[in-house]
Protein backbone atom coordinates (compact mmCIF):
# COMPACT_ATOMS: atom_id res chain seq x y z
CA UNK A 1 50.18 -1.67 1.64
CA UNK A 2 48.81 0.04 -1.51
CA UNK A 3 45.16 1.20 -1.39
CA UNK A 4 42.58 -1.14 -2.89
CA UNK A 5 41.48 0.82 -5.99
CA UNK A 6 38.35 -1.34 -6.32
CA UNK A 7 37.09 -0.28 -2.86
CA UNK A 8 34.52 2.56 -2.71
CA UNK A 9 36.05 5.99 -2.09
CA UNK A 10 35.59 7.08 1.52
CA UNK A 11 33.17 10.06 1.58
CA UNK A 12 34.02 13.16 3.63
CA UNK A 13 31.33 15.63 2.66
CA UNK A 14 28.09 15.12 4.64
CA UNK A 15 24.79 15.17 2.82
CA UNK A 16 22.91 15.92 6.05
CA UNK A 17 23.86 17.16 9.53
CA UNK A 18 21.68 17.05 12.59
CA UNK A 19 21.23 14.84 15.61
CA UNK A 20 19.74 11.55 16.75
CA UNK A 21 17.30 12.25 19.57
CA UNK A 22 16.26 9.77 22.25
CA UNK A 23 14.19 11.52 24.88
CA UNK A 24 16.36 14.39 26.16
CA UNK A 25 19.57 12.85 24.79
CA UNK A 26 20.90 14.29 21.53
CA UNK A 27 23.69 12.64 19.54
CA UNK A 28 25.11 15.05 16.91
CA UNK A 29 25.79 13.17 13.68
CA UNK A 30 26.71 13.68 10.06
CA UNK A 31 25.19 11.57 7.31
CA UNK A 32 27.61 10.33 4.63
CA UNK A 33 27.03 8.48 1.41
CA UNK A 34 27.59 4.76 1.91
CA UNK A 35 26.49 3.17 -1.33
CA UNK A 36 28.40 3.75 -4.56
CA UNK A 37 26.95 2.95 -7.96
CA UNK A 38 29.69 1.59 -10.23
CA UNK A 39 27.52 1.44 -13.35
CA UNK A 40 29.22 2.47 -16.59
CA UNK A 41 27.74 5.76 -17.73
CA UNK A 42 27.63 7.09 -21.26
CA UNK A 43 27.33 10.63 -22.61
CA UNK A 44 24.79 11.32 -25.33
CA UNK A 45 26.52 12.60 -28.51
CA UNK A 46 25.48 14.14 -31.76
CA UNK A 47 25.96 11.34 -34.28
CA UNK A 48 27.04 13.80 -37.04
CA UNK A 49 30.02 15.35 -35.20
CA UNK A 50 30.45 13.32 -32.01
CA UNK A 51 29.88 16.33 -29.73
CA UNK A 52 28.04 16.02 -26.36
CA UNK A 53 24.36 16.77 -26.24
CA UNK A 54 23.46 19.59 -23.82
CA UNK A 55 20.13 20.01 -22.06
CA UNK A 56 18.66 23.45 -21.47
CA UNK A 57 15.74 24.68 -19.38
CA UNK A 58 13.39 26.03 -22.06
CA UNK A 59 9.99 27.63 -21.54
CA UNK A 60 7.37 25.68 -23.49
CA UNK A 61 5.47 28.88 -24.38
CA UNK A 62 8.20 31.07 -25.95
CA UNK A 63 11.03 28.54 -26.38
CA UNK A 64 13.38 30.86 -24.48
CA UNK A 65 16.12 29.49 -22.21
CA UNK A 66 15.22 30.23 -18.54
CA UNK A 67 17.98 30.97 -16.01
CA UNK A 68 17.84 29.18 -12.61
CA UNK A 69 16.99 32.41 -10.73
CA UNK A 70 13.78 32.71 -12.76
CA UNK A 71 12.60 29.14 -12.03
CA UNK A 72 10.03 28.27 -9.32
CA UNK A 73 8.32 25.03 -8.40
CA UNK A 74 4.79 24.32 -9.44
CA UNK A 75 2.22 21.63 -8.57
CA UNK A 76 -0.25 20.72 -11.31
CA UNK A 77 -3.79 20.88 -9.91
CA UNK A 78 -5.54 20.51 -13.22
CA UNK A 79 -4.21 20.01 -16.75
CA UNK A 80 -1.86 22.93 -17.53
CA UNK A 81 -2.89 24.70 -14.31
CA UNK A 82 -0.41 25.07 -11.48
CA UNK A 83 -0.04 26.49 -8.02
CA UNK A 84 3.40 28.08 -7.62
CA UNK A 85 5.72 27.84 -4.61
CA UNK A 86 8.85 29.72 -3.56
CA UNK A 87 11.63 27.74 -1.91
CA UNK A 88 11.05 29.61 1.37
CA UNK A 89 7.43 28.43 1.45
CA UNK A 90 8.46 24.79 0.97
CA UNK A 91 11.26 25.07 3.55
CA UNK A 92 8.78 26.45 6.09
CA UNK A 93 6.68 23.24 6.07
CA UNK A 94 9.62 20.87 6.46
CA UNK A 95 9.08 18.63 9.52
CA UNK A 96 11.30 18.38 12.60
CA UNK A 97 13.00 15.33 10.97
CA UNK A 98 14.72 17.80 8.65
CA UNK A 99 17.23 18.41 11.46
CA UNK A 100 16.64 15.62 13.96
CA UNK A 101 16.16 11.86 13.83
CA UNK A 102 13.85 11.21 16.77
CA UNK A 103 14.13 7.55 17.77
CA UNK A 104 10.92 6.69 19.67
CA UNK A 105 10.92 2.91 19.16
CA UNK A 106 13.50 0.15 19.29
CA UNK A 107 13.18 -3.20 17.52
CA UNK A 108 15.34 -6.26 16.88
CA UNK A 109 17.44 -5.52 13.79
CA UNK A 110 16.53 -8.78 12.13
CA UNK A 111 12.77 -8.24 12.59
CA UNK A 112 12.58 -5.66 9.76
CA UNK A 113 11.49 -7.12 6.44
CA UNK A 114 14.31 -6.32 3.92
CA UNK A 115 11.68 -5.49 1.28
CA UNK A 116 11.21 -2.13 3.03
CA UNK A 117 14.91 -1.20 2.88
CA UNK A 118 15.58 1.73 0.56
CA UNK A 119 19.10 3.22 0.83
CA UNK A 120 21.80 3.06 3.52
CA UNK A 121 24.00 5.91 4.77
CA UNK A 122 26.92 6.08 7.18
CA UNK A 123 26.39 8.03 10.41
CA UNK A 124 29.53 9.51 12.00
CA UNK A 125 29.83 11.59 15.19
CA UNK A 126 29.76 15.35 14.80
CA UNK A 127 31.42 16.73 17.92
CA UNK A 128 30.25 14.31 20.67
CA UNK A 129 32.05 11.00 20.40
CA UNK A 130 30.93 9.93 23.88
CA UNK A 131 27.21 9.89 23.11
CA UNK A 132 27.77 8.28 19.71
CA UNK A 133 29.91 5.54 21.24
CA UNK A 134 27.31 4.86 23.94
CA UNK A 135 24.51 4.48 21.37
CA UNK A 136 26.68 2.25 19.20
CA UNK A 137 27.69 -0.03 22.08
CA UNK A 138 24.08 -0.28 23.28
CA UNK A 139 22.76 -1.30 19.85
CA UNK A 140 25.57 -3.79 19.41
CA UNK A 141 25.17 -5.50 22.80
CA UNK A 142 21.37 -5.67 22.55
CA UNK A 143 20.97 -6.46 18.88
CA UNK A 144 18.43 -3.64 18.60
CA UNK A 145 17.87 -0.83 16.15
CA UNK A 146 16.14 2.52 16.53
CA UNK A 147 13.24 3.55 14.32
CA UNK A 148 12.40 7.13 13.45
CA UNK A 149 11.98 9.59 10.62
CA UNK A 150 14.38 11.68 8.56
CA UNK A 151 13.79 14.27 5.87
CA UNK A 152 16.21 14.21 2.95
CA UNK A 153 15.82 16.79 0.25
CA UNK A 154 12.07 16.88 -0.48
CA UNK A 155 10.86 13.69 1.19
CA UNK A 156 10.41 12.42 4.73
CA UNK A 157 11.37 8.78 5.14
CA UNK A 158 10.86 6.20 7.87
CA UNK A 159 14.37 5.16 8.88
CA UNK A 160 16.17 2.62 10.99
CA UNK A 161 19.46 3.35 12.83
CA UNK A 162 21.59 0.33 13.65
CA UNK A 163 25.10 -0.91 14.27
CA UNK A 164 27.09 -2.11 11.30
CA UNK A 165 30.81 -2.94 11.34
CA UNK A 166 31.77 -0.79 14.33
CA UNK A 167 29.69 2.21 13.22
CA UNK A 168 26.11 3.44 13.15
CA UNK A 169 24.31 3.41 9.84
CA UNK A 170 20.92 4.75 8.81
CA UNK A 171 18.75 3.00 6.27
CA UNK A 172 15.76 4.81 4.82
CA UNK A 173 12.64 2.64 4.43
CA UNK A 174 9.78 2.54 1.99
CA UNK A 175 6.29 3.30 3.31
CA UNK A 176 3.88 0.37 3.45
CA UNK A 177 1.75 1.87 0.64
CA UNK A 178 4.83 2.05 -1.63
CA UNK A 179 5.21 -1.71 -1.72
CA UNK A 180 3.00 -3.84 -3.94
CA UNK A 181 1.33 -6.70 -2.08
CA UNK A 182 2.02 -9.79 -4.25
CA UNK A 183 -1.27 -11.60 -3.43
CA UNK A 184 -3.07 -8.66 -5.05
CA UNK A 185 -1.77 -9.77 -8.45
CA UNK A 186 -4.02 -12.01 -10.48
CA UNK A 187 -1.03 -14.08 -11.66
CA UNK A 188 -0.15 -14.86 -8.05
CA UNK A 189 -3.76 -15.65 -7.08
CA UNK A 190 -4.02 -18.23 -9.88
CA UNK A 191 -1.00 -20.27 -8.74
CA UNK A 192 -1.73 -23.92 -7.99
CA UNK A 193 0.01 -26.28 -5.55
CA UNK A 194 2.88 -28.19 -7.25
CA UNK A 195 2.84 -32.03 -7.36
CA UNK A 196 4.68 -33.79 -4.51
CA UNK A 197 7.23 -35.40 -6.86
CA UNK A 198 8.27 -32.08 -8.42
CA UNK A 199 8.36 -30.50 -4.98
CA UNK A 200 10.65 -33.25 -3.73
CA UNK A 201 13.15 -32.84 -6.58
CA UNK A 202 13.09 -29.03 -6.24
CA UNK A 203 13.86 -29.46 -2.55
CA UNK A 204 16.90 -31.65 -3.33
CA UNK A 205 18.23 -29.08 -5.83
CA UNK A 206 17.82 -26.27 -3.34
CA UNK A 207 19.45 -28.39 -0.66
CA UNK A 208 22.47 -29.16 -2.87
CA UNK A 209 22.90 -25.45 -3.67
CA UNK A 210 22.41 -24.19 -0.11
CA UNK A 211 25.36 -22.28 1.42
CA UNK A 212 26.40 -19.16 3.29
CA UNK A 213 25.49 -15.84 1.65
CA UNK A 214 28.55 -13.84 0.57
CA UNK A 215 27.94 -10.71 -1.53
CA UNK A 216 31.53 -11.01 -2.83
CA UNK A 217 30.38 -14.08 -4.79
CA UNK A 218 28.52 -11.76 -7.14
CA UNK A 219 30.08 -9.65 -9.87
CA UNK A 220 28.58 -7.17 -12.32
CA UNK A 221 29.36 -9.07 -15.50
CA UNK A 222 27.43 -6.53 -17.62
CA UNK A 223 29.77 -3.77 -16.42
CA UNK A 224 32.77 -5.98 -17.16
CA UNK A 225 31.51 -6.64 -20.68
CA UNK A 226 30.88 -2.91 -21.24
CA UNK A 227 34.46 -2.10 -20.13
CA UNK A 228 35.80 -4.79 -22.44
CA UNK A 229 33.70 -3.34 -25.28
CA UNK A 230 34.99 0.16 -24.56
CA UNK A 231 38.62 -1.07 -24.59
CA UNK A 232 38.09 -2.80 -27.92
CA UNK A 233 36.59 0.36 -29.41
CA UNK A 234 39.51 2.45 -28.09
CA UNK A 235 41.96 0.01 -29.73
CA UNK A 236 40.04 0.27 -33.04
CA UNK A 237 39.02 -3.39 -33.00
CA UNK A 238 35.95 -4.62 -34.86
CA UNK A 239 33.14 -5.58 -32.53
CA UNK A 240 30.99 -8.51 -33.60
CA UNK A 241 27.50 -8.63 -32.23
CA UNK A 242 26.75 -12.16 -31.00
CA UNK A 243 23.24 -13.08 -30.00
CA UNK A 244 22.99 -15.69 -27.24
CA UNK A 245 21.59 -19.04 -28.32
CA UNK A 246 17.93 -19.54 -27.49
CA UNK A 247 17.41 -21.89 -24.56
CA UNK A 248 15.73 -25.18 -25.33
CA UNK A 249 12.20 -25.39 -23.95
CA UNK A 250 11.84 -28.41 -21.62
CA UNK A 251 9.07 -29.97 -19.62
CA UNK A 252 9.38 -28.93 -15.98
CA UNK A 253 9.90 -32.45 -14.68
CA UNK A 254 12.59 -33.19 -17.29
CA UNK A 255 14.39 -29.93 -16.42
CA UNK A 256 14.25 -30.70 -12.71
CA UNK A 257 15.62 -34.25 -13.12
CA UNK A 258 18.42 -33.15 -15.44
CA UNK A 259 19.39 -30.30 -13.11
CA UNK A 260 19.52 -32.68 -10.13
CA UNK A 261 21.57 -35.20 -12.15
CA UNK A 262 24.11 -32.51 -13.10
CA UNK A 263 24.46 -31.39 -9.49
CA UNK A 264 25.03 -34.95 -8.29
CA UNK A 265 27.88 -35.42 -10.84
CA UNK A 266 29.73 -32.20 -9.85
């Protein structure tokens, strides 16, 4: 059977190696990229000759290009005043989670609010299949996930390790103070309770449209349109810019009743 070209390429190069630690048990693992971004990317070009724009690391004082070996990291303590760090100094303060994911708490997988999910990675065994398989089977049979910390590049993240499709995956989480609390917004505080009649019609609409979630139902139509636009440009076709028609403003009750009527005639 030919390979599905639309499927994400299977990664082989780990972005992190270390171990999952539970008490005295260590499970060596490698962390692989799991999420692929299929956005259409553009190069920036010089309009006059169509050549790519290049960025350079330029000193703001003398406008000289600075090679990588002469670059250090600085933290701005006051305007235009920095404390400077060497890479060795920053590496020395990396926490234990730079090399080990210490799982010290287990929770039901479905108890974690998805709003805290950041990015998911694939965990594969790195030399000890037996321990990996045991952890995978235990999570699967109990419906639990392990919670710990991991350091990736220059940030330490809360993370959850769980079973997903016959493998272990790790999902980094946002900290609580990184998430805006909606009730803190004035616009949310000013909301009023909707009338019973509108609430009833809205409930019928939601009921008619209720179904099983399937991510395959969704397609990136913007990417498809960009690819179509690129193809037309390559073929030398004229591209006509069409602005979408403005939607007619309706009273909420009228819009609800018309939406419900359309659903009932489908």
